[in-house]
Amino acid sequence: MSTTNRDSNIGGKPSLRDQPGKVNILLVDDRPAKQLALTAILEELGQNLVVAHSGKEALRLLLRDEFAVILLDVNMPVMDGFETAALIRQRVRTEHTPIIFITAHNATDTHASKGYSLGAVDYIFAPVVPSILRAKILVFIDLYRQTEELARNEALFRRIFEEAPIGMALLDEGDRFQKVNQAFSAMLGYESEALGTMTHAAITHPDDRKRESKEAVRLARGEGAAASLDKRYLDKDGKEVWASTTTIRIRGTKGKEAHRLVMAKDITDTQHIQELERLTYQLQRTNAELEQFAYVAAHDLQEPLRMISSFLHLLEREMGPSLSAKAKVYFAHVTSGAERMRALVHSVLEFSRIDAESSEIGLIDTEDAVRREVAVLAETIAATRAVIEVGPLPSVRCSPAGMSRLIQNLLSNALKFSSKDAPLIRVAATASDGWVTISVRDNGIGIPPSQGGKLFILFQRLHTRNDYPGTGIGLASCKKIVENHGGRIWFESQPGHGTEFFFTLPGQCR
């Protein structure tokens, strides 16, 4: 054991805390012989024994260092042990430091009672039994070390609690908040003081309270050390905040649960993404089912429609001479309706195939694709005396069937919605940032601004069938084809001065 007297402990000397592994014991006695005897007894403990020769000196030492226990003589001049003990207890830092009175005085019960009333933990009379004194001192050394370890653990827990990137809250048995960290307050928008007046259930979504209550009961019964739950909180504004929570129980005395520690991580964004993915999956499945239905329905309708048209023609040929003028008109309407239905069914069938065809993407020679469609429309072009100008067109990445439908629909519309003048159609393109923008411009009747919103909607028509025949599927198909390839389609128009359609597709190097 190292022994330090008053000369080495006062006046700017290094603190005794700099000696790791040892605790400090303060011996306060004014008689050298007694100091020497007690030092010899306590030497076996291997701790730092600090000797003070008076109560005043002891008080100064206590201002600088911490001690596991104080051995205090009762009878000292100027300031006796009782007075010194009273002053020690008045200081916050030393109010709980154990004090053992050691005296050779033939003390009465009154003396001992006074010592205990001043906070002494023991009162020992001389002659001292060495083994008993050492045993008692060891108890307080162990207690001091345990207290120090507890303080370090509490400081570490407090730091982890306060600085944790996830929300943490300490709840009492009544579900009331005892302490919350900054992350928990920020997650819900509450000040920690406001949460201190609330219960945990009060900020939990009503639909999740029952589930959480069951988990709390399970923990209280000792069925597991922790409970994990994805739940919803309600923030200060009443909005839902999804959190992944883990609750652990902190036992009190005799195994009784004293607190619950809740750790909560905000997963609102993740939950929204999962919900979006779920809805996207449902939408994709529904679309696939609708496309399959449209394909099957359109395919199966073709045969009966073909049969109706065939028999109508046979009836007209067989009974034509005997039909009245009115009956012939009726026949014409029925035949026309059947043909329109066949055209509509064919268009629906083509529309339903777009998604499947969009997976067959390859590099398309755009100029060649346009010239092929011009050749297909040669009869209409000749009949309308149309002029089609095709500029230099870079290659694009697209499905062959998709490109064919795109060009055919846009050229057909430009020819169909022409003005009194002969149609003049220009096909051009520009390339930028890996994308190619293709435009089809005409000098036709144009599109009123008020009608533009309907243009790409399935079955929407801007004109009657008597004025301009069609199914109302062409531009909707164009939009679907372009968007399936990651592009977009739009138009610019001025009534009476023509329309220009634009669409983008990935270029050769994208």
Protein backbone atom coordinates (compact mmCIF):
# COMPACT_ATOMS: atom_id res chain seq x y z
CA MET A 1 0.00 0.00 0.00
CA SER A 2 1.26 3.46 -0.84
CA THR A 3 0.97 6.00 1.95
CA THR A 4 0.74 9.70 1.30
CA ASN A 5 1.04 12.35 4.00
CA ARG A 6 -0.19 15.90 3.95
CA ASP A 7 3.04 17.30 2.46
CA SER A 8 2.67 15.33 -0.78
CA ASN A 9 -1.04 15.97 -1.19
CA ILE A 10 -1.33 19.70 -0.89
CA GLY A 11 -0.04 22.54 -3.01
CA GLY A 12 -0.47 21.55 -6.66
CA LYS A 13 0.78 17.96 -6.51
CA PRO A 14 -0.62 15.40 -9.02
CA SER A 15 -4.08 14.06 -8.23
CA LEU A 16 -4.37 10.60 -6.72
CA ARG A 17 -6.69 9.74 -9.61
CA ASP A 18 -3.57 9.40 -11.75
CA GLN A 19 -2.76 6.10 -10.00
CA PRO A 20 -4.82 3.52 -11.91
CA GLY A 21 -6.23 0.40 -10.27
CA LYS A 22 -6.07 1.73 -6.72
CA VAL A 23 -8.67 3.49 -4.62
CA ASN A 24 -8.03 6.22 -2.07
CA ILE A 25 -8.52 5.74 1.67
CA LEU A 26 -8.39 8.83 3.89
CA LEU A 27 -7.03 8.47 7.43
CA VAL A 28 -7.65 11.51 9.63
CA ASP A 29 -5.78 11.45 12.96
CA ASP A 30 -3.54 13.92 14.78
CA ARG A 31 -1.38 11.34 16.58
CA PRO A 32 1.64 9.93 14.67
CA ALA A 33 1.74 6.68 16.64
CA LYS A 34 -1.85 5.88 15.80
CA GLN A 35 -1.27 6.84 12.16
CA LEU A 36 1.67 4.44 12.02
CA ALA A 37 -0.28 1.60 13.59
CA LEU A 38 -3.26 1.97 11.26
CA THR A 39 -0.96 2.30 8.22
CA ALA A 40 0.66 -1.02 9.11
CA ILE A 41 -2.75 -2.69 9.42
CA LEU A 42 -4.07 -1.36 6.10
CA GLU A 43 -0.89 -1.85 4.08
CA GLU A 44 -1.97 -5.36 3.04
CA LEU A 45 -4.92 -3.91 1.12
CA GLY A 46 -2.57 -2.43 -1.51
CA GLN A 47 -4.50 0.83 -1.89
CA ASN A 48 -3.61 4.54 -1.63
CA LEU A 49 -3.70 5.49 2.05
CA VAL A 50 -3.75 9.27 2.43
CA VAL A 51 -3.02 10.68 5.89
CA ALA A 52 -4.41 13.99 7.14
CA HIS A 53 -3.35 15.36 10.56
CA SER A 54 -6.43 17.47 11.16
CA GLY A 55 -10.04 17.93 10.15
CA LYS A 56 -9.18 21.10 8.25
CA GLU A 57 -6.53 19.28 6.21
CA ALA A 58 -8.96 16.45 5.52
CA LEU A 59 -11.52 18.88 4.13
CA ARG A 60 -8.94 20.33 1.76
CA LEU A 61 -7.99 16.87 0.51
CA LEU A 62 -11.64 16.00 -0.05
CA LEU A 63 -11.99 19.02 -2.31
CA ARG A 64 -9.41 17.59 -4.68
CA ASP A 65 -9.77 13.81 -4.64
CA GLU A 66 -12.39 11.14 -4.19
CA PHE A 67 -12.10 8.53 -1.45
CA ALA A 68 -13.65 5.11 -1.05
CA VAL A 69 -13.82 5.45 2.75
CA ILE A 70 -12.76 7.87 5.50
CA LEU A 71 -11.22 6.67 8.80
CA LEU A 72 -11.85 9.52 11.21
CA ASP A 73 -10.55 10.01 14.76
CA VAL A 74 -13.07 11.50 17.17
CA ASN A 75 -10.72 13.37 19.51
CA MET A 76 -8.70 15.97 17.60
CA PRO A 77 -7.78 19.52 18.64
CA VAL A 78 -9.38 22.61 17.07
CA MET A 79 -11.89 20.57 14.98
CA ASP A 80 -12.91 17.19 16.37
CA GLY A 81 -14.14 14.23 14.36
CA PHE A 82 -17.84 14.99 14.85
CA GLU A 83 -17.46 18.54 13.57
CA THR A 84 -15.34 17.34 10.65
CA ALA A 85 -17.96 14.69 9.75
CA ALA A 86 -20.74 17.28 9.85
CA LEU A 87 -18.85 19.50 7.38
CA ILE A 88 -18.09 16.52 5.12
CA ARG A 89 -21.79 15.68 4.97
CA GLN A 90 -22.69 19.25 4.02
CA ARG A 91 -20.80 18.97 0.73
CA VAL A 92 -22.64 17.37 -2.20
CA ARG A 93 -19.51 15.65 -3.44
CA THR A 94 -18.86 13.86 -0.13
CA GLU A 95 -22.33 13.55 1.38
CA HIS A 96 -22.38 9.80 0.68
CA THR A 97 -18.70 8.94 1.30
CA PRO A 98 -18.56 6.22 4.01
CA ILE A 99 -17.12 7.42 7.38
CA ILE A 100 -15.78 5.04 10.03
CA PHE A 101 -15.03 6.60 13.41
CA ILE A 102 -11.96 5.13 15.15
CA THR A 103 -11.28 6.29 18.68
CA ALA A 104 -9.38 5.22 21.77
CA HIS A 105 -11.79 7.23 23.87
CA ASN A 106 -13.90 5.25 26.28
CA ALA A 107 -16.99 6.31 24.40
CA THR A 108 -20.49 5.89 25.64
CA ASP A 109 -23.56 4.95 23.65
CA THR A 110 -24.21 8.66 23.34
CA HIS A 111 -20.94 9.15 21.47
CA ALA A 112 -21.71 6.27 19.10
CA SER A 113 -25.24 7.52 18.56
CA LYS A 114 -23.93 10.98 17.69
CA GLY A 115 -21.49 9.46 15.21
CA TYR A 116 -24.21 7.49 13.47
CA SER A 117 -26.47 10.54 13.39
CA LEU A 118 -23.75 12.35 11.44
CA GLY A 119 -23.79 9.66 8.78
CA ALA A 120 -21.10 7.31 10.05
CA VAL A 121 -21.30 3.74 8.75
CA ASP A 122 -19.36 2.28 11.70
CA TYR A 123 -17.84 3.19 15.07
CA ILE A 124 -14.69 1.28 16.08
CA PHE A 125 -12.97 1.41 19.46
CA ALA A 126 -9.30 0.82 20.16
CA PRO A 127 -7.60 -1.53 20.37
CA VAL A 128 -8.42 -2.30 16.72
CA VAL A 129 -8.56 -5.90 15.52
CA PRO A 130 -6.55 -5.75 12.24
CA SER A 131 -8.43 -8.47 10.35
CA ILE A 132 -11.82 -6.98 11.22
CA LEU A 133 -10.76 -3.48 10.18
CA ARG A 134 -9.35 -4.74 6.89
CA ALA A 135 -12.52 -6.75 6.19
CA LYS A 136 -14.69 -3.70 6.79
CA ILE A 137 -12.50 -1.49 4.61
CA LEU A 138 -12.58 -4.11 1.81
CA VAL A 139 -16.38 -3.96 1.80
CA PHE A 140 -16.29 -0.24 1.09
CA ILE A 141 -13.51 -0.62 -1.49
CA ASP A 142 -15.66 -3.13 -3.39
CA LEU A 143 -18.70 -0.88 -3.04
CA TYR A 144 -16.72 2.10 -4.34
CA ARG A 145 -15.48 0.15 -7.36
CA GLN A 146 -18.95 -1.11 -8.16
CA THR A 147 -20.31 2.42 -7.85
CA GLU A 148 -17.58 3.74 -10.14
CA GLU A 149 -18.29 1.01 -12.70
CA LEU A 150 -21.99 1.76 -12.52
CA ALA A 151 -21.29 5.46 -13.03
CA ARG A 152 -19.12 4.70 -16.07
CA ASN A 153 -21.80 2.44 -17.52
CA GLU A 154 -24.47 5.04 -16.89
CA ALA A 155 -22.35 7.70 -18.58
CA LEU A 156 -21.77 5.39 -21.55
CA PHE A 157 -25.47 4.52 -21.76
CA ARG A 158 -26.39 8.21 -21.53
CA ARG A 159 -24.00 9.07 -24.35
CA ILE A 160 -25.26 6.23 -26.54
CA PHE A 161 -28.85 7.18 -25.72
CA GLU A 162 -28.40 10.86 -26.56
CA GLU A 163 -26.23 10.44 -29.66
CA ALA A 164 -27.96 7.41 -31.20
CA PRO A 165 -29.04 8.01 -34.83
CA ILE A 166 -32.33 6.20 -34.16
CA GLY A 167 -35.08 7.25 -31.78
CA MET A 168 -34.81 5.99 -28.19
CA ALA A 169 -37.32 6.41 -25.37
CA LEU A 170 -37.35 5.22 -21.76
CA LEU A 171 -40.83 4.38 -20.42
CA ASP A 172 -41.95 3.72 -16.85
CA GLU A 173 -44.40 1.03 -15.74
CA GLY A 174 -47.30 3.35 -16.50
CA ASP A 175 -46.20 3.73 -20.15
CA ARG A 176 -45.16 7.34 -19.50
CA PHE A 177 -42.08 8.83 -21.08
CA GLN A 178 -39.20 9.20 -18.65
CA LYS A 179 -36.60 10.25 -21.17
CA VAL A 180 -36.32 10.57 -24.96
CA ASN A 181 -33.34 11.34 -27.17
CA GLN A 182 -33.08 13.98 -29.86
CA ALA A 183 -33.67 11.52 -32.71
CA PHE A 184 -36.98 10.38 -31.20
CA SER A 185 -38.16 13.96 -30.70
CA ALA A 186 -37.13 14.94 -34.24
CA MET A 187 -38.86 11.90 -35.75
CA LEU A 188 -42.22 12.97 -34.30
CA GLY A 189 -41.76 16.74 -34.16
CA TYR A 190 -42.30 16.98 -30.39
CA GLU A 191 -40.11 18.71 -27.83
CA SER A 192 -38.82 16.28 -25.20
CA GLU A 193 -40.62 18.28 -22.49
CA ALA A 194 -43.95 17.80 -24.28
CA LEU A 195 -43.39 14.05 -24.59
CA GLY A 196 -42.64 13.95 -20.87
CA THR A 197 -46.31 14.74 -20.19
CA MET A 198 -47.61 11.99 -22.50
CA THR A 199 -47.86 8.22 -22.64
CA HIS A 200 -46.35 6.08 -25.37
CA ALA A 201 -49.81 4.83 -26.34
CA ALA A 202 -51.02 8.41 -26.88
CA ILE A 203 -48.71 8.89 -29.88
CA THR A 204 -49.28 5.38 -31.27
CA HIS A 205 -51.75 4.95 -34.13
CA PRO A 206 -55.06 3.65 -32.71
CA ASP A 207 -54.99 0.64 -35.03
CA ASP A 208 -51.57 -0.43 -33.66
CA ARG A 209 -52.18 0.04 -29.93
CA LYS A 210 -53.70 -3.38 -29.35
CA ARG A 211 -50.80 -5.19 -31.03
CA GLU A 212 -48.25 -3.21 -29.04
CA SER A 213 -50.13 -3.76 -25.79
CA LYS A 214 -49.98 -7.52 -26.35
CA GLU A 215 -46.21 -7.32 -26.83
CA ALA A 216 -45.84 -5.26 -23.64
CA VAL A 217 -47.82 -7.87 -21.66
CA ARG A 218 -45.67 -10.63 -23.13
CA LEU A 219 -42.51 -8.83 -22.03
CA ALA A 220 -43.91 -8.23 -18.54
CA ARG A 221 -44.52 -11.98 -18.20
CA GLY A 222 -40.90 -12.66 -19.03
CA GLU A 223 -41.72 -14.27 -22.39
CA GLY A 224 -38.63 -13.09 -24.22
CA ALA A 225 -36.23 -10.26 -23.58
CA ALA A 226 -37.30 -8.07 -26.51
CA ALA A 227 -40.23 -7.41 -28.82
CA SER A 228 -39.96 -6.17 -32.41
CA LEU A 229 -42.84 -4.46 -34.17
CA ASP A 230 -43.39 -2.33 -37.27
CA LYS A 231 -45.94 0.25 -36.20
CA ARG A 232 -47.28 3.71 -36.86
CA TYR A 233 -46.77 6.74 -34.68
CA LEU A 234 -48.72 9.97 -35.00
CA ASP A 235 -46.46 13.01 -35.16
CA LYS A 236 -47.21 16.45 -33.75
CA ASP A 237 -49.31 17.30 -36.83
CA GLY A 238 -51.24 14.02 -36.69
CA LYS A 239 -49.45 12.50 -39.68
CA GLU A 240 -48.52 8.82 -39.74
CA VAL A 241 -44.86 7.95 -39.17
CA TRP A 242 -43.94 4.33 -39.79
CA ALA A 243 -41.26 2.99 -37.45
CA SER A 244 -39.48 -0.30 -36.93
CA THR A 245 -39.40 -0.65 -33.14
CA THR A 246 -37.61 -2.91 -30.70
CA THR A 247 -38.63 -2.83 -27.04
CA ILE A 248 -36.55 -4.35 -24.25
CA ARG A 249 -37.42 -4.62 -20.60
CA ILE A 250 -35.17 -3.30 -17.85
CA ARG A 251 -35.73 -5.22 -14.65
CA GLY A 252 -36.12 -3.48 -11.34
CA THR A 253 -35.59 -4.99 -7.92
CA LYS A 254 -36.71 -8.59 -7.30
CA GLY A 255 -37.21 -9.13 -11.03
CA LYS A 256 -40.02 -6.59 -11.30
CA GLU A 257 -40.07 -4.68 -14.58
CA ALA A 258 -39.25 -1.07 -13.85
CA HIS A 259 -38.77 0.38 -17.32
CA ARG A 260 -39.06 -0.32 -21.02
CA LEU A 261 -36.54 0.94 -23.53
CA VAL A 262 -38.03 1.57 -26.98
CA MET A 263 -35.75 1.93 -30.00
CA ALA A 264 -37.49 3.24 -33.12
CA LYS A 265 -36.18 3.69 -36.67
CA ASP A 266 -38.18 5.79 -39.13
CA ILE A 267 -39.14 3.54 -42.07
CA THR A 268 -41.84 5.78 -43.53
CA ASP A 269 -40.04 6.11 -46.87
CA THR A 270 -39.39 2.36 -47.02
CA GLN A 271 -43.03 1.65 -46.20
CA HIS A 272 -44.19 4.02 -48.93
CA ILE A 273 -41.84 2.35 -51.41
CA GLN A 274 -43.15 -1.08 -50.45
CA GLU A 275 -46.74 0.13 -50.79
CA LEU A 276 -45.90 1.66 -54.16
CA GLU A 277 -44.26 -1.59 -55.26
CA ARG A 278 -47.34 -3.52 -54.15
CA LEU A 279 -49.67 -1.20 -56.04
CA THR A 280 -47.38 -1.28 -59.08
CA TYR A 281 -47.41 -5.07 -59.04
CA GLN A 282 -51.21 -5.11 -58.78
CA LEU A 283 -51.48 -2.59 -61.61
CA GLN A 284 -49.10 -4.58 -63.80
CA ARG A 285 -51.04 -7.77 -63.12
CA THR A 286 -54.35 -6.03 -63.85
CA ASN A 287 -52.97 -4.55 -67.07
CA ALA A 288 -51.65 -7.94 -68.14
CA GLU A 289 -55.04 -9.51 -67.45
CA LEU A 290 -56.84 -6.75 -69.35
CA GLU A 291 -54.46 -7.06 -72.29
CA GLN A 292 -54.96 -10.81 -72.34
CA PHE A 293 -58.72 -10.33 -72.17
CA ALA A 294 -58.63 -7.75 -74.97
CA TYR A 295 -56.54 -10.04 -77.13
CA VAL A 296 -58.75 -13.08 -76.55
CA ALA A 297 -61.97 -11.09 -76.94
CA ALA A 298 -60.80 -9.38 -80.12
CA HIS A 299 -59.45 -12.61 -81.57
CA ASP A 300 -62.63 -14.56 -80.80
CA LEU A 301 -64.89 -11.79 -82.12
CA GLN A 302 -63.26 -11.75 -85.54
CA GLU A 303 -64.75 -15.03 -86.73
CA PRO A 304 -68.43 -14.26 -85.92
CA LEU A 305 -68.03 -10.78 -87.41
CA ARG A 306 -66.52 -12.26 -90.55
CA MET A 307 -69.46 -14.65 -90.73
CA ILE A 308 -71.98 -11.82 -90.28
CA SER A 309 -70.35 -9.79 -93.05
CA SER A 310 -70.23 -12.79 -95.39
CA PHE A 311 -73.89 -13.69 -94.89
CA LEU A 312 -74.95 -10.07 -95.27
CA HIS A 313 -73.24 -9.95 -98.65
CA LEU A 314 -74.86 -13.26 -99.63
CA LEU A 315 -78.30 -12.01 -98.56
CA GLU A 316 -77.84 -8.78 -100.47
CA ARG A 317 -76.78 -10.64 -103.61
CA GLU A 318 -79.61 -13.19 -103.26
CA MET A 319 -82.37 -10.76 -102.40
CA GLY A 320 -81.01 -7.57 -103.89
CA PRO A 321 -83.40 -7.30 -106.88
CA SER A 322 -86.46 -7.77 -104.68
CA LEU A 323 -85.42 -5.33 -101.92
CA SER A 324 -87.13 -2.00 -101.61
CA ALA A 325 -85.08 1.19 -101.56
CA LYS A 326 -85.57 1.47 -97.80
CA ALA A 327 -84.47 -2.14 -97.26
CA LYS A 328 -81.34 -1.50 -99.30
CA VAL A 329 -80.51 1.45 -97.03
CA TYR A 330 -80.98 -0.79 -94.00
CA PHE A 331 -78.72 -3.40 -95.51
CA ALA A 332 -76.09 -0.76 -96.20
CA HIS A 333 -76.19 0.43 -92.57
CA VAL A 334 -75.90 -3.11 -91.20
CA THR A 335 -73.04 -3.96 -93.56
CA SER A 336 -71.24 -0.72 -92.71
CA GLY A 337 -71.67 -1.36 -88.98
CA ALA A 338 -70.26 -4.86 -89.31
CA GLU A 339 -67.26 -3.55 -91.23
CA ARG A 340 -66.64 -0.85 -88.62
CA MET A 341 -66.86 -3.48 -85.90
CA ARG A 342 -64.35 -5.65 -87.73
CA ALA A 343 -62.00 -2.67 -88.06
CA LEU A 344 -62.41 -1.84 -84.37
CA VAL A 345 -61.79 -5.43 -83.27
CA HIS A 346 -58.71 -5.55 -85.49
CA SER A 347 -57.42 -2.30 -83.92
CA VAL A 348 -58.02 -3.59 -80.38
CA LEU A 349 -56.17 -6.79 -81.27
CA GLU A 350 -53.25 -4.76 -82.61
CA PHE A 351 -53.26 -2.54 -79.50
CA SER A 352 -53.15 -5.57 -77.19
CA ARG A 353 -50.03 -6.86 -78.96
CA ILE A 354 -47.96 -3.71 -78.39
CA ASP A 355 -46.48 -4.72 -75.02
CA ALA A 356 -45.37 -8.12 -76.28
CA GLU A 357 -43.84 -6.60 -79.40
CA SER A 358 -42.00 -3.92 -77.39
CA SER A 359 -39.66 -6.56 -75.98
CA GLU A 360 -38.28 -7.24 -79.48
CA ILE A 361 -36.13 -4.11 -79.56
CA GLY A 362 -33.39 -3.72 -82.13
CA LEU A 363 -31.62 -1.08 -84.20
CA ILE A 364 -34.00 0.32 -86.83
CA ASP A 365 -33.01 2.16 -90.01
CA THR A 366 -35.53 4.98 -89.63
CA GLU A 367 -35.32 6.24 -93.22
CA ASP A 368 -35.93 2.74 -94.57
CA ALA A 369 -38.88 2.26 -92.19
CA VAL A 370 -40.49 5.52 -93.35
CA ARG A 371 -40.03 4.70 -97.03
CA ARG A 372 -41.64 1.26 -96.55
CA GLU A 373 -44.73 2.86 -94.98
CA VAL A 374 -44.85 5.45 -97.76
CA ALA A 375 -44.95 2.57 -100.24
CA VAL A 376 -47.80 0.92 -98.30
CA LEU A 377 -49.78 4.17 -98.47
CA ALA A 378 -48.94 4.81 -102.14
CA GLU A 379 -52.56 4.52 -103.32
CA THR A 380 -53.83 7.08 -100.77
CA ILE A 381 -50.88 9.37 -101.50
CA ALA A 382 -51.66 9.30 -105.19
CA ALA A 383 -55.38 9.86 -104.64
CA THR A 384 -54.77 12.94 -102.48
CA ARG A 385 -51.84 14.21 -104.61
CA ALA A 386 -49.80 14.35 -101.39
CA VAL A 387 -46.12 15.23 -101.27
CA ILE A 388 -44.02 13.53 -98.58
CA GLU A 389 -40.54 14.86 -97.86
CA VAL A 390 -38.21 12.67 -95.82
CA GLY A 391 -35.08 14.27 -94.37
CA PRO A 392 -31.98 12.51 -93.05
CA LEU A 393 -33.14 10.24 -90.23
CA PRO A 394 -30.71 8.58 -87.78
CA SER A 395 -31.22 5.00 -86.68
CA VAL A 396 -33.14 4.35 -83.46
CA ARG A 397 -33.66 1.48 -81.05
CA CYS A 398 -37.24 0.27 -81.36
CA SER A 399 -39.29 -2.83 -82.09
CA PRO A 400 -39.84 -3.28 -85.86
CA ALA A 401 -43.62 -3.64 -85.46
CA GLY A 402 -43.74 -0.62 -83.16
CA MET A 403 -41.86 1.60 -85.61
CA SER A 404 -44.10 0.43 -88.46
CA ARG A 405 -47.28 1.32 -86.52
CA LEU A 406 -45.88 4.67 -85.38
CA ILE A 407 -45.00 5.86 -88.87
CA GLN A 408 -48.12 4.39 -90.47
CA ASN A 409 -50.51 5.98 -87.94
CA LEU A 410 -48.89 9.42 -88.10
CA LEU A 411 -48.67 9.46 -91.92
CA SER A 412 -52.25 8.16 -92.24
CA ASN A 413 -53.52 10.92 -89.94
CA ALA A 414 -51.59 13.56 -91.88
CA LEU A 415 -53.19 12.32 -95.11
CA LYS A 416 -56.65 11.94 -93.59
CA PHE A 417 -56.92 15.33 -91.86
CA SER A 418 -55.80 17.37 -94.84
CA SER A 419 -57.20 20.74 -95.86
CA LYS A 420 -58.38 21.70 -99.33
CA ASP A 421 -54.79 21.97 -100.48
CA ALA A 422 -52.82 18.88 -101.43
CA PRO A 423 -51.18 17.39 -98.32
CA LEU A 424 -47.55 18.37 -97.74
CA ILE A 425 -45.91 16.13 -95.15
CA ARG A 426 -42.35 16.50 -93.85
CA VAL A 427 -40.58 13.84 -91.77
CA ALA A 428 -37.44 15.10 -89.99
CA ALA A 429 -35.28 14.25 -86.99
CA THR A 430 -32.73 15.66 -84.54
CA ALA A 431 -30.41 13.82 -82.14
CA SER A 432 -29.25 14.92 -78.68
CA ASP A 433 -27.86 13.19 -75.57
CA GLY A 434 -28.45 9.71 -76.94
CA TRP A 435 -32.07 10.36 -77.94
CA VAL A 436 -33.58 10.94 -81.38
CA THR A 437 -36.57 13.26 -81.80
CA ILE A 438 -38.60 12.46 -84.93
CA SER A 439 -41.22 14.89 -86.21
CA VAL A 440 -44.07 14.45 -88.71
CA ARG A 441 -45.45 17.79 -89.91
CA ASP A 442 -48.48 18.41 -92.14
CA ASN A 443 -50.41 21.36 -93.56
CA GLY A 444 -53.82 19.98 -92.61
CA ILE A 445 -56.78 21.27 -90.63
CA GLY A 446 -54.94 21.46 -87.31
CA ILE A 447 -56.17 20.65 -83.81
CA PRO A 448 -58.13 23.07 -81.60
CA PRO A 449 -56.29 23.73 -78.29
CA SER A 450 -59.38 22.72 -76.31
CA GLN A 451 -59.33 19.25 -77.89
CA GLY A 452 -55.66 18.46 -77.34
CA GLY A 453 -56.20 16.66 -74.03
CA LYS A 454 -58.25 13.90 -75.70
CA LEU A 455 -55.82 13.16 -78.48
CA PHE A 456 -53.89 10.22 -77.00
CA ILE A 457 -56.78 8.65 -75.05
CA LEU A 458 -58.07 5.28 -76.25
CA PHE A 459 -61.31 5.48 -78.32
CA GLN A 460 -61.41 9.29 -78.10
CA ARG A 461 -62.29 11.00 -81.39
CA LEU A 462 -62.25 14.69 -82.29
CA HIS A 463 -64.53 14.28 -85.33
CA THR A 464 -67.56 12.21 -86.32
CA ARG A 465 -67.15 9.05 -88.40
CA ASN A 466 -69.05 10.69 -91.24
CA ASP A 467 -66.44 13.45 -91.42
CA TYR A 468 -63.34 11.36 -90.81
CA PRO A 469 -63.47 7.56 -90.47
CA GLY A 470 -61.39 5.78 -87.84
CA THR A 471 -61.46 3.81 -84.59
CA GLY A 472 -59.89 6.29 -82.14
CA ILE A 473 -57.06 3.87 -81.33
CA GLY A 474 -54.23 5.05 -83.61
CA LEU A 475 -52.70 7.84 -81.50
CA ALA A 476 -53.27 5.89 -78.26
CA SER A 477 -51.22 3.10 -79.84
CA CYS A 478 -48.49 5.60 -80.78
CA LYS A 479 -48.31 6.85 -77.20
CA LYS A 480 -48.08 3.33 -75.80
CA ILE A 481 -45.36 2.31 -78.25
CA VAL A 482 -43.23 5.38 -77.54
CA GLU A 483 -43.59 5.15 -73.75
CA ASN A 484 -42.78 1.43 -73.79
CA HIS A 485 -39.43 2.44 -75.28
CA GLY A 486 -38.83 5.11 -72.62
CA GLY A 487 -39.69 8.06 -74.86
CA ARG A 488 -42.50 10.59 -75.02
CA ILE A 489 -44.86 11.95 -77.68
CA TRP A 490 -46.46 15.38 -78.06
CA PHE A 491 -47.71 17.77 -80.72
CA GLU A 492 -47.85 21.41 -81.73
CA SER A 493 -50.75 22.69 -83.79
CA GLN A 494 -52.54 25.76 -85.02
CA PRO A 495 -56.07 25.30 -86.41
CA GLY A 496 -56.08 25.81 -90.17
CA HIS A 497 -52.28 25.74 -90.41
CA GLY A 498 -51.39 22.12 -89.79
CA THR A 499 -50.01 19.96 -87.00
CA GLU A 500 -46.56 18.66 -86.11
CA PHE A 501 -46.17 15.50 -84.02
CA PHE A 502 -42.93 14.79 -82.15
CA PHE A 503 -41.77 11.59 -80.49
CA THR A 504 -38.48 10.50 -78.95
CA LEU A 505 -36.77 7.11 -79.12
CA PRO A 506 -33.37 5.89 -77.91
CA GLY A 507 -30.59 6.51 -80.42
CA GLN A 508 -28.04 4.05 -81.71
CA CYS A 509 -25.50 4.68 -78.91
CA ARG A 510 -27.86 4.89 -75.95
